[in-house]
């Protein structure tokens, strides 16, 4: 069939482009606007004039602003970071990570990329700009009011770094347990020809459809009484799981595991069983065939599934707000608490800065793994 026959009519293309443009505007505008607000003084952030919010005249009058050179070099650093994460990072992990250690390779590479960006953007770049701005005349003169003081307030003075640490603990636990159990269960169910495997998946799907509040209510008495149940094993020092990250990890894994098993099973079904048979003929055990032959082919699917597991733990509000105490609170309920309190406009801008902070890791995560995510979604959607 010719390409001309497959070409859409002009009216349909314009309609599709219009709907896509509207969706992008609706989806991107709130993110853009809170990012702008988070770098302004409270007077500018809540100014009814949109141009004043963007330019920040009061922030600029207070001596806090960015020059044209600041803006250009900042965009260049961010763009280069995104390009390196999207194009160079996957190849570096594949070439330097030893066999069977790809996961640890990605963890190390991600940490190095984040630390490198923070050092360049917040340590080296300001020093360079302080040297160049005074000697470049108009290019070094502040033109837009902008200040990072709200980020310093929320991360240092308000202890938001502790909330970030708790979110990291919860998401790491959820992703690790979900993928470990999900890959083994998905592989076993994909290679099983019995009807029992089908009914296990149906039961898992029903369990996944339950409201999260039902699961929290069922687990709550167990967590509250956990010290009494664990005292015969751990003695008087047996901990109470209620209020601790382990309780949230257990509930979120229970919620997420059916989805993980279903998704990974579909990926495993797209891998020919002849690969297992060939590995067995070459002398591998079942587990060796799974680890050395099947898993290297499965990485796009594992990364895609891991991303969804990460988003569940990272963005959860209901479970974390019900099961965690104030000391162990993660970022999302902590931000909700900031907005719900009776606060001044300064406190509200600080809360906006906290909300912007939690979007940055998601952005860089998707940029770093975009190829694996697209490859994994395509592999899971195409059968045969």
Protein backbone atom coordinates (compact mmCIF):
# COMPACT_ATOMS: atom_id res chain seq x y z
CA UNK A 1 0.00 0.00 0.00
CA UNK A 2 1.41 3.39 -0.97
CA UNK A 3 2.27 6.08 1.55
CA UNK A 4 -0.20 8.44 -0.15
CA UNK A 5 -3.08 6.07 0.60
CA UNK A 6 -2.11 6.00 4.28
CA UNK A 7 -1.79 9.79 4.54
CA UNK A 8 -4.45 11.44 6.70
CA UNK A 9 -6.70 14.15 5.28
CA UNK A 10 -5.71 17.71 6.06
CA UNK A 11 -8.78 18.31 8.22
CA UNK A 12 -8.06 15.24 10.35
CA UNK A 13 -4.41 16.24 10.78
CA UNK A 14 -5.38 19.76 11.83
CA UNK A 15 -7.96 18.43 14.28
CA UNK A 16 -5.47 15.98 15.79
CA UNK A 17 -2.80 18.66 16.04
CA UNK A 18 -5.26 21.06 17.70
CA UNK A 19 -6.31 18.53 20.34
CA UNK A 20 -2.65 17.66 20.98
CA UNK A 21 -1.71 21.34 21.32
CA UNK A 22 -4.58 21.95 23.76
CA UNK A 23 -3.60 18.91 25.82
CA UNK A 24 0.05 20.01 25.95
CA UNK A 25 -1.00 23.50 27.03
CA UNK A 26 -3.33 22.23 29.74
CA UNK A 27 -0.79 19.70 31.02
CA UNK A 28 2.36 21.83 30.80
CA UNK A 29 1.01 25.21 31.94
CA UNK A 30 0.56 24.35 35.66
CA UNK A 31 4.09 22.94 35.84
CA UNK A 32 5.57 25.96 34.07
CA UNK A 33 3.63 28.37 36.26
CA UNK A 34 4.58 26.86 39.64
CA UNK A 35 8.23 26.72 38.51
CA UNK A 36 8.10 30.46 37.75
CA UNK A 37 6.32 31.23 41.03
CA UNK A 38 8.82 29.28 43.10
CA UNK A 39 11.67 31.62 42.10
CA UNK A 40 9.84 34.90 42.85
CA UNK A 41 9.22 36.94 45.95
CA UNK A 42 5.71 36.46 47.41
CA UNK A 43 4.59 39.83 46.03
CA UNK A 44 5.54 38.85 42.50
CA UNK A 45 4.43 35.22 42.80
CA UNK A 46 0.82 36.19 43.58
CA UNK A 47 0.66 39.34 41.45
CA UNK A 48 -2.59 39.44 39.37
CA UNK A 49 -0.54 40.65 36.39
CA UNK A 50 0.91 37.57 34.69
CA UNK A 51 3.79 39.59 33.19
CA UNK A 52 4.89 40.68 36.67
CA UNK A 53 4.89 37.05 37.80
CA UNK A 54 7.19 36.11 34.92
CA UNK A 55 9.53 39.12 35.07
CA UNK A 56 9.51 39.57 38.86
CA UNK A 57 10.05 43.36 39.16
CA UNK A 58 9.94 43.36 42.98
CA UNK A 59 12.35 40.43 43.15
CA UNK A 60 14.66 42.24 40.73
CA UNK A 61 14.43 45.46 42.76
CA UNK A 62 15.62 43.53 45.81
CA UNK A 63 18.84 42.70 43.96
CA UNK A 64 17.90 39.12 43.16
CA UNK A 65 17.87 38.38 39.46
CA UNK A 66 19.38 36.64 36.47
CA UNK A 67 21.25 38.10 33.54
CA UNK A 68 20.99 36.98 29.94
CA UNK A 69 24.27 35.10 30.40
CA UNK A 70 22.89 33.34 33.50
CA UNK A 71 19.83 32.18 31.57
CA UNK A 72 21.75 31.01 28.51
CA UNK A 73 24.42 29.07 30.42
CA UNK A 74 21.81 27.56 32.76
CA UNK A 75 19.77 26.28 29.80
CA UNK A 76 22.94 24.92 28.19
CA UNK A 77 23.89 22.97 31.34
CA UNK A 78 20.38 21.49 31.66
CA UNK A 79 20.24 20.61 27.95
CA UNK A 80 23.67 18.96 27.99
CA UNK A 81 22.70 16.97 31.10
CA UNK A 82 19.53 15.70 29.44
CA UNK A 83 21.39 14.76 26.26
CA UNK A 84 24.10 12.92 28.16
CA UNK A 85 21.57 11.04 30.30
CA UNK A 86 19.45 10.08 27.28
CA UNK A 87 22.22 9.13 24.83
CA UNK A 88 25.47 8.37 26.64
CA UNK A 89 24.34 6.94 29.98
CA UNK A 90 22.72 3.71 28.67
CA UNK A 91 25.79 2.85 26.57
CA UNK A 92 28.16 3.53 29.45
CA UNK A 93 26.17 1.27 31.76
CA UNK A 94 26.10 -1.56 29.21
CA UNK A 95 29.84 -1.31 28.53
CA UNK A 96 31.09 -0.94 32.12
CA UNK A 97 28.60 -2.92 34.22
CA UNK A 98 29.67 -6.58 34.61
CA UNK A 99 27.30 -9.33 33.60
CA UNK A 100 24.36 -9.70 35.94
CA UNK A 101 25.10 -6.34 37.63
CA UNK A 102 23.20 -4.04 35.27
CA UNK A 103 20.80 -2.90 38.00
CA UNK A 104 23.65 -1.78 40.24
CA UNK A 105 25.26 -0.17 37.22
CA UNK A 106 22.16 1.93 36.62
CA UNK A 107 21.95 2.90 40.29
CA UNK A 108 25.58 4.05 40.34
CA UNK A 109 25.25 5.82 36.99
CA UNK A 110 22.10 7.62 38.15
CA UNK A 111 23.73 8.78 41.37
CA UNK A 112 26.81 9.98 39.50
CA UNK A 113 24.66 11.87 36.97
CA UNK A 114 22.60 13.57 39.70
CA UNK A 115 25.65 14.50 41.79
CA UNK A 116 27.48 15.75 38.71
CA UNK A 117 24.56 17.97 37.73
CA UNK A 118 24.20 19.38 41.26
CA UNK A 119 27.92 20.15 41.50
CA UNK A 120 28.05 21.82 38.07
CA UNK A 121 24.77 23.71 38.35
CA UNK A 122 24.93 24.87 41.97
CA UNK A 123 28.68 25.06 42.67
CA UNK A 124 30.74 25.58 39.51
CA UNK A 125 28.28 27.59 37.39
CA UNK A 126 27.66 30.36 39.99
CA UNK A 127 31.42 30.89 40.38
CA UNK A 128 31.87 31.17 36.61
CA UNK A 129 28.95 33.58 36.28
CA UNK A 130 30.19 35.79 39.12
CA UNK A 131 33.44 36.20 37.20
CA UNK A 132 31.89 36.80 33.77
CA UNK A 133 28.85 39.00 34.56
CA UNK A 134 30.79 42.13 35.70
CA UNK A 135 32.89 42.23 32.52
CA UNK A 136 30.18 41.58 29.90
CA UNK A 137 28.19 44.80 30.25
CA UNK A 138 24.53 44.45 29.17
CA UNK A 139 24.77 40.67 28.91
CA UNK A 140 25.79 40.49 32.56
CA UNK A 141 23.08 42.84 33.85
CA UNK A 142 20.10 41.29 35.66
CA UNK A 143 16.95 41.36 33.51
CA UNK A 144 14.58 38.92 35.25
CA UNK A 145 13.88 38.75 38.97
CA UNK A 146 14.67 35.29 40.31
CA UNK A 147 15.81 33.92 43.66
CA UNK A 148 16.45 30.38 44.99
CA UNK A 149 15.82 31.39 48.62
CA UNK A 150 12.53 29.46 48.83
CA UNK A 151 14.32 26.23 47.90
CA UNK A 152 16.94 26.88 50.59
CA UNK A 153 14.15 27.49 53.09
CA UNK A 154 12.21 24.33 52.32
CA UNK A 155 15.21 21.99 52.01
CA UNK A 156 17.37 23.31 54.85
CA UNK A 157 15.17 25.23 57.29
CA UNK A 158 12.00 23.14 56.94
CA UNK A 159 13.80 19.77 56.82
CA UNK A 160 12.37 18.69 53.48
CA UNK A 161 15.55 16.72 52.87
CA UNK A 162 14.36 14.29 55.56
CA UNK A 163 11.08 13.82 53.66
CA UNK A 164 13.11 13.17 50.51
CA UNK A 165 15.16 10.52 52.35
CA UNK A 166 11.95 8.81 53.51
CA UNK A 167 10.55 8.86 49.96
CA UNK A 168 13.79 7.33 48.71
CA UNK A 169 13.56 4.54 51.30
CA UNK A 170 9.93 3.77 50.43
CA UNK A 171 10.36 3.83 46.65
CA UNK A 172 13.57 1.78 46.76
CA UNK A 173 11.87 -0.85 48.91
CA UNK A 174 8.75 -0.96 46.73
CA UNK A 175 10.70 -1.23 43.46
CA UNK A 176 13.16 -3.83 44.78
CA UNK A 177 10.55 -6.16 46.26
CA UNK A 178 8.04 -5.69 43.44
CA UNK A 179 10.54 -6.43 40.68
CA UNK A 180 12.19 -9.34 42.50
CA UNK A 181 8.90 -11.12 43.14
CA UNK A 182 7.32 -9.93 39.90
CA UNK A 183 10.06 -11.21 37.60
CA UNK A 184 10.14 -14.65 39.22
CA UNK A 185 6.34 -14.95 39.38
CA UNK A 186 5.82 -13.50 35.89
CA UNK A 187 8.37 -15.87 34.39
CA UNK A 188 6.86 -18.89 36.14
CA UNK A 189 3.30 -18.02 35.13
CA UNK A 190 4.33 -17.22 31.53
CA UNK A 191 5.99 -20.62 31.15
CA UNK A 192 3.22 -22.51 32.96
CA UNK A 193 0.55 -24.13 30.82
CA UNK A 194 -1.83 -24.99 33.67
CA UNK A 195 -5.19 -23.36 34.25
CA UNK A 196 -4.13 -22.66 37.83
CA UNK A 197 -1.80 -19.94 36.57
CA UNK A 198 -4.73 -18.24 34.83
CA UNK A 199 -6.86 -18.23 37.99
CA UNK A 200 -3.96 -16.93 40.07
CA UNK A 201 -3.72 -13.98 37.69
CA UNK A 202 -7.48 -13.36 37.87
CA UNK A 203 -7.38 -13.36 41.68
CA UNK A 204 -4.41 -10.99 41.57
CA UNK A 205 -6.34 -8.66 39.27
CA UNK A 206 -9.33 -8.63 41.66
CA UNK A 207 -6.98 -7.89 44.55
CA UNK A 208 -5.49 -4.99 42.57
CA UNK A 209 -8.95 -3.53 42.01
CA UNK A 210 -9.66 -3.20 45.76
CA UNK A 211 -9.62 0.37 47.15
CA UNK A 212 -6.35 1.21 48.88
CA UNK A 213 -8.20 2.21 52.05
CA UNK A 214 -9.49 -1.38 52.39
CA UNK A 215 -5.95 -2.75 52.40
CA UNK A 216 -4.76 -0.12 54.84
CA UNK A 217 -7.63 -0.92 57.22
CA UNK A 218 -6.78 -4.64 57.00
CA UNK A 219 -3.08 -4.14 57.70
CA UNK A 220 -3.48 -1.48 60.38
CA UNK A 221 -4.18 -3.81 63.37
CA UNK A 222 -1.22 -5.96 62.35
CA UNK A 223 1.18 -3.01 62.30
CA UNK A 224 -0.12 -1.60 65.59
CA UNK A 225 0.30 -4.96 67.35
CA UNK A 226 3.54 -5.87 65.57
CA UNK A 227 5.72 -5.38 68.68
CA UNK A 228 3.69 -7.97 70.60
CA UNK A 229 3.86 -10.43 67.71
CA UNK A 230 7.60 -9.97 67.23
CA UNK A 231 8.55 -9.96 70.92
CA UNK A 232 8.95 -13.79 71.13
CA UNK A 233 11.62 -13.50 68.40
CA UNK A 234 13.22 -10.11 69.05
CA UNK A 235 12.53 -9.77 72.77
CA UNK A 236 11.70 -6.48 74.48
CA UNK A 237 13.30 -4.49 71.65
CA UNK A 238 10.73 -5.67 69.09
CA UNK A 239 9.71 -2.62 67.02
CA UNK A 240 6.24 -1.36 66.24
CA UNK A 241 5.89 -1.18 62.46
CA UNK A 242 3.13 1.42 62.58
CA UNK A 243 4.55 4.79 61.57
CA UNK A 244 7.65 3.25 59.98
CA UNK A 245 8.56 3.05 56.25
CA UNK A 246 8.48 -0.77 56.37
CA UNK A 247 4.72 -0.67 56.92
CA UNK A 248 4.20 1.51 53.85
CA UNK A 249 6.49 -0.68 51.75
CA UNK A 250 4.51 -3.79 52.70
CA UNK A 251 1.15 -2.22 51.78
CA UNK A 252 2.36 -0.63 48.54
CA UNK A 253 3.99 -3.90 47.45
CA UNK A 254 0.70 -5.69 48.14
CA UNK A 255 -1.11 -3.10 46.01
CA UNK A 256 1.47 -3.06 43.24
CA UNK A 257 2.42 -6.74 42.98
CA UNK A 258 -0.58 -7.92 40.90
CA UNK A 259 0.07 -5.21 38.30
CA UNK A 260 3.80 -6.06 38.26
CA UNK A 261 3.12 -9.77 37.76
CA UNK A 262 0.60 -9.15 34.97
CA UNK A 263 2.89 -6.74 33.14
CA UNK A 264 6.04 -8.83 33.42
CA UNK A 265 4.14 -11.98 32.44
CA UNK A 266 3.12 -10.30 29.19
CA UNK A 267 6.76 -9.41 28.51
CA UNK A 268 7.95 -12.96 29.24
CA UNK A 269 5.28 -14.38 26.92
CA UNK A 270 6.79 -12.39 24.06
CA UNK A 271 10.16 -14.10 24.57
CA UNK A 272 10.28 -17.42 22.66
CA UNK A 273 10.43 -20.51 24.87
CA UNK A 274 13.10 -21.84 22.49
CA UNK A 275 15.61 -19.58 24.27
CA UNK A 276 15.00 -21.47 27.51
CA UNK A 277 15.32 -24.80 25.72
CA UNK A 278 18.58 -23.76 24.04
CA UNK A 279 20.04 -22.66 27.37
CA UNK A 280 19.02 -25.95 28.97
CA UNK A 281 20.67 -27.88 26.14
CA UNK A 282 23.87 -25.90 26.74
CA UNK A 283 23.92 -27.07 30.34
CA UNK A 284 22.18 -24.24 32.21
CA UNK A 285 19.80 -24.96 35.05
CA UNK A 286 16.34 -23.38 35.00
CA UNK A 287 17.50 -20.47 37.16
CA UNK A 288 20.72 -20.00 35.15
CA UNK A 289 18.71 -19.89 31.93
CA UNK A 290 16.43 -17.33 33.52
CA UNK A 291 19.30 -15.15 34.80
CA UNK A 292 21.79 -15.40 31.94
CA UNK A 293 19.58 -15.75 28.87
CA UNK A 294 16.07 -14.45 29.55
CA UNK A 295 16.77 -11.47 31.84
CA UNK A 296 19.23 -9.70 29.45
CA UNK A 297 16.45 -9.74 26.84
CA UNK A 298 13.91 -8.58 29.45
CA UNK A 299 15.62 -5.38 30.62
CA UNK A 300 13.36 -2.95 28.70
CA UNK A 301 10.31 -4.61 30.23
CA UNK A 302 11.85 -4.66 33.71
CA UNK A 303 12.79 -0.98 33.49
CA UNK A 304 9.31 -0.03 32.28
CA UNK A 305 7.65 -2.02 35.06
CA UNK A 306 10.12 -0.62 37.59
CA UNK A 307 9.22 2.91 36.54
CA UNK A 308 5.53 2.31 37.22
CA UNK A 309 6.42 0.75 40.59
CA UNK A 310 8.59 3.78 41.36
CA UNK A 311 5.76 6.18 40.51
CA UNK A 312 3.37 4.28 42.80
CA UNK A 313 5.68 4.59 45.79
CA UNK A 314 6.87 8.10 44.93
CA UNK A 315 3.45 9.68 44.35
CA UNK A 316 1.37 7.80 46.93
CA UNK A 317 -0.58 9.98 49.34
CA UNK A 318 -3.27 7.86 51.00
CA UNK A 319 -1.13 5.00 52.33
CA UNK A 320 1.79 7.17 53.41
CA UNK A 321 -0.39 9.75 55.15
CA UNK A 322 -2.27 7.05 57.10
CA UNK A 323 0.63 4.82 58.09
CA UNK A 324 3.58 7.17 58.63
CA UNK A 325 4.17 9.47 61.57
CA UNK A 326 5.42 13.03 61.17
CA UNK A 327 9.08 12.06 61.56
CA UNK A 328 8.96 9.47 58.76
CA UNK A 329 6.65 11.36 56.40
CA UNK A 330 7.39 11.22 52.68
CA UNK A 331 7.36 14.22 50.35
CA UNK A 332 3.82 14.11 48.92
CA UNK A 333 1.87 14.16 52.23
CA UNK A 334 4.42 16.63 53.64
CA UNK A 335 3.65 19.05 50.81
CA UNK A 336 -0.09 18.55 51.30
CA UNK A 337 0.39 19.51 54.93
CA UNK A 338 2.22 22.67 53.90
CA UNK A 339 -0.67 23.78 51.70
CA UNK A 340 -3.38 22.84 54.21
CA UNK A 341 -2.01 24.89 57.11
CA UNK A 342 -2.94 28.51 57.72
CA UNK A 343 0.12 30.18 56.21
CA UNK A 344 1.41 33.47 54.91
CA UNK A 345 2.11 34.07 51.23
CA UNK A 346 5.80 33.43 51.93
CA UNK A 347 5.00 30.00 53.34
CA UNK A 348 2.80 29.26 50.34
CA UNK A 349 5.62 30.06 47.91
CA UNK A 350 7.89 27.80 49.97
CA UNK A 351 5.30 25.04 49.58
CA UNK A 352 5.25 25.68 45.83
CA UNK A 353 9.05 25.31 45.77
CA UNK A 354 8.67 21.95 47.54
CA UNK A 355 6.11 20.87 44.94
CA UNK A 356 8.48 21.79 42.13
CA UNK A 357 11.29 19.88 43.84
CA UNK A 358 9.50 16.54 43.63
CA UNK A 359 8.95 16.87 39.87
CA UNK A 360 12.65 17.21 39.01
CA UNK A 361 13.65 13.58 39.80
CA UNK A 362 10.73 12.29 37.72
CA UNK A 363 11.76 14.45 34.78
CA UNK A 364 15.37 13.28 34.80
CA UNK A 365 14.30 9.66 35.39
CA UNK A 366 12.10 9.63 32.30
CA UNK A 367 14.76 11.38 30.23
CA UNK A 368 17.41 8.85 31.27
CA UNK A 369 15.26 5.79 30.58
CA UNK A 370 13.15 7.05 27.67
CA UNK A 371 14.51 4.53 25.16
CA UNK A 372 14.05 1.57 27.49
CA UNK A 373 10.54 2.74 28.40
CA UNK A 374 9.46 3.06 24.76
CA UNK A 375 11.08 -0.27 23.90
CA UNK A 376 9.45 -1.95 26.88
CA UNK A 377 5.97 -0.57 26.15
CA UNK A 378 6.28 -1.63 22.51
CA UNK A 379 7.43 -5.11 23.46
CA UNK A 380 4.54 -5.49 25.85
CA UNK A 381 1.97 -4.25 23.36
CA UNK A 382 2.99 -6.35 20.32
CA UNK A 383 2.36 -10.07 20.46
CA UNK A 384 4.36 -12.54 18.40
